[in-house]
Protein backbone atom coordinates (compact mmCIF):
# COMPACT_ATOMS: atom_id res chain seq x y z
CA UNK A 1 -9.94 -11.92 -6.42
CA UNK A 2 -6.67 -10.22 -7.35
CA UNK A 3 -4.22 -12.67 -6.14
CA UNK A 4 -1.00 -10.73 -5.83
CA UNK A 5 1.13 -12.44 -2.35
CA UNK A 6 1.15 -10.62 0.76
CA UNK A 7 3.16 -9.69 3.32
CA UNK A 8 2.80 -10.21 6.69
CA UNK A 9 1.58 -6.91 7.79
CA UNK A 10 -0.75 -4.77 9.75
CA UNK A 11 -2.59 -1.82 8.26
CA UNK A 12 -3.70 0.95 10.67
CA UNK A 13 -5.51 3.81 9.11
CA UNK A 14 -5.42 7.61 10.82
CA UNK A 15 -9.05 8.02 9.64
CA UNK A 16 -11.75 8.33 12.59
CA UNK A 17 -12.11 4.10 12.56
CA UNK A 18 -9.10 2.35 12.12
CA UNK A 19 -8.86 0.22 9.65
CA UNK A 20 -6.87 -3.26 10.16
CA UNK A 21 -6.40 -5.81 7.61
CA UNK A 22 -3.58 -8.77 8.76
CA UNK A 23 -1.88 -10.43 5.44
CA UNK A 24 0.36 -13.22 5.26
CA UNK A 25 3.68 -14.08 2.71
CA UNK A 26 6.28 -16.50 2.31
CA UNK A 27 8.38 -12.90 1.69
CA UNK A 28 8.79 -10.18 4.00
CA UNK A 29 10.25 -6.40 3.62
CA UNK A 30 14.01 -6.37 4.07
CA UNK A 31 15.24 -4.16 7.12
CA UNK A 32 11.84 -2.02 6.80
CA UNK A 33 8.95 -2.05 9.72
CA UNK A 34 6.39 0.63 8.23
CA UNK A 35 5.57 2.69 5.65
CA UNK A 36 2.72 5.12 5.48
CA UNK A 37 0.59 5.96 2.44
CA UNK A 38 -1.41 9.35 1.75
CA UNK A 39 -4.55 10.41 -0.40
CA UNK A 40 -4.23 13.95 -1.47
CA UNK A 41 -6.44 13.39 -4.26
CA UNK A 42 -10.13 14.78 -4.68
CA UNK A 43 -11.48 11.11 -4.53
CA UNK A 44 -11.52 8.66 -1.67
CA UNK A 45 -9.70 5.37 -3.03
CA UNK A 46 -12.29 2.09 -2.65
CA UNK A 47 -9.42 -0.18 -2.95
CA UNK A 48 -5.67 -0.56 -2.07
CA UNK A 49 -3.29 -3.16 -3.00
CA UNK A 50 0.43 -4.09 -2.91
CA UNK A 51 2.52 -6.50 -3.03
CA UNK A 52 6.09 -6.98 -4.18
CA UNK A 53 7.16 -5.42 -7.84
CA UNK A 54 8.46 -9.63 -8.71
CA UNK A 55 5.06 -10.68 -7.91
CA UNK A 56 2.63 -10.96 -11.25
CA UNK A 57 -0.61 -10.07 -9.28
CA UNK A 58 -2.30 -8.60 -6.50
CA UNK A 59 -3.32 -9.84 -3.26
CA UNK A 60 -6.18 -8.95 -0.90
CA UNK A 61 -7.85 -5.37 -0.81
CA UNK A 62 -6.16 -3.24 2.19
CA UNK A 63 -9.48 -1.06 2.12
CA UNK A 64 -10.93 2.45 2.07
CA UNK A 65 -8.41 5.26 2.12
CA UNK A 66 -10.61 8.41 2.39
CA UNK A 67 -9.92 11.63 0.64
CA UNK A 68 -7.34 13.94 2.61
CA UNK A 69 -6.36 10.76 4.74
CA UNK A 70 -3.39 8.35 5.31
CA UNK A 71 -3.05 4.71 6.18
CA UNK A 72 0.38 3.05 7.74
CA UNK A 73 1.26 -0.40 6.88
CA UNK A 74 3.05 -1.99 9.88
CA UNK A 75 5.34 -4.98 8.20
CA UNK A 76 5.35 -8.20 10.63
CA UNK A 77 8.43 -9.93 9.94
CA UNK A 78 11.12 -7.83 7.62
CA UNK A 79 13.66 -10.51 7.01
CA UNK A 80 14.36 -11.93 3.89
CA UNK A 81 12.32 -9.57 0.98
CA UNK A 82 12.46 -7.18 -1.78
CA UNK A 83 12.37 -3.24 -1.09
CA UNK A 84 10.42 -2.79 -4.24
CA UNK A 85 6.90 -2.97 -3.91
CA UNK A 86 3.94 -1.87 -6.47
CA UNK A 87 0.90 -0.03 -5.45
CA UNK A 88 -2.50 0.20 -6.92
CA UNK A 89 -5.56 2.54 -6.37
CA UNK A 90 -9.04 1.95 -7.53
CA UNK A 91 -10.56 5.71 -6.79
CA UNK A 92 -14.39 6.44 -6.15
CA UNK A 93 -14.45 8.10 -9.80
CA UNK A 94 -13.47 4.50 -11.46
CA UNK A 95 -9.97 5.61 -12.38
CA UNK A 96 -7.61 2.69 -11.63
CA UNK A 97 -3.98 3.73 -11.15
CA UNK A 98 -0.65 1.55 -10.56
CA UNK A 99 2.04 3.21 -8.84
CA UNK A 100 5.13 0.57 -9.93
CA UNK A 101 8.45 0.05 -8.08
CA UNK A 102 8.44 2.16 -5.08
CA UNK A 103 11.09 1.48 -2.96
CA UNK A 104 9.93 1.09 0.44
CA UNK A 105 13.39 0.62 2.17
CA UNK A 106 14.42 4.15 0.83
CA UNK A 107 11.07 5.99 1.27
CA UNK A 108 9.16 6.30 4.21
CA UNK A 109 5.92 7.32 2.46
CA UNK A 110 3.73 7.33 -0.73
CA UNK A 111 1.58 10.20 -1.86
CA UNK A 112 -1.28 9.86 -4.31
CA UNK A 113 -1.90 13.25 -5.76
CA UNK A 114 -4.60 13.97 -8.86
CA UNK A 115 -2.24 14.01 -11.58
CA UNK A 116 1.09 12.50 -9.80
CA UNK A 117 2.64 10.76 -7.19
CA UNK A 118 5.39 11.26 -5.07
CA UNK A 119 7.75 9.61 -2.50
CA UNK A 120 8.97 10.71 0.58
């Protein structure tokens, strides 16, 4: 199991069947209540991870994010935490890609594309 600590969050997917995951962490996101992740690649994301950039290990798998879909991360407690988060996607073709130091306070979303990613 990857063990990068997690914040209190509820994840819901825009797929046909909602994906719900509740996680806890001693620190939580500052001044931010939600963040959306989009999968605009040619592959399903089989495992999605995220944690504060200052942590050295990953937390629990957030679940599957099918190509063409998005998921919203809703943070429970929004005080006393960093805005910088690392994201990791493990794709159905076996590729594993890290998306480091995403500022989830200044941005509302992270979009995964085949050869790149961007924040919105």
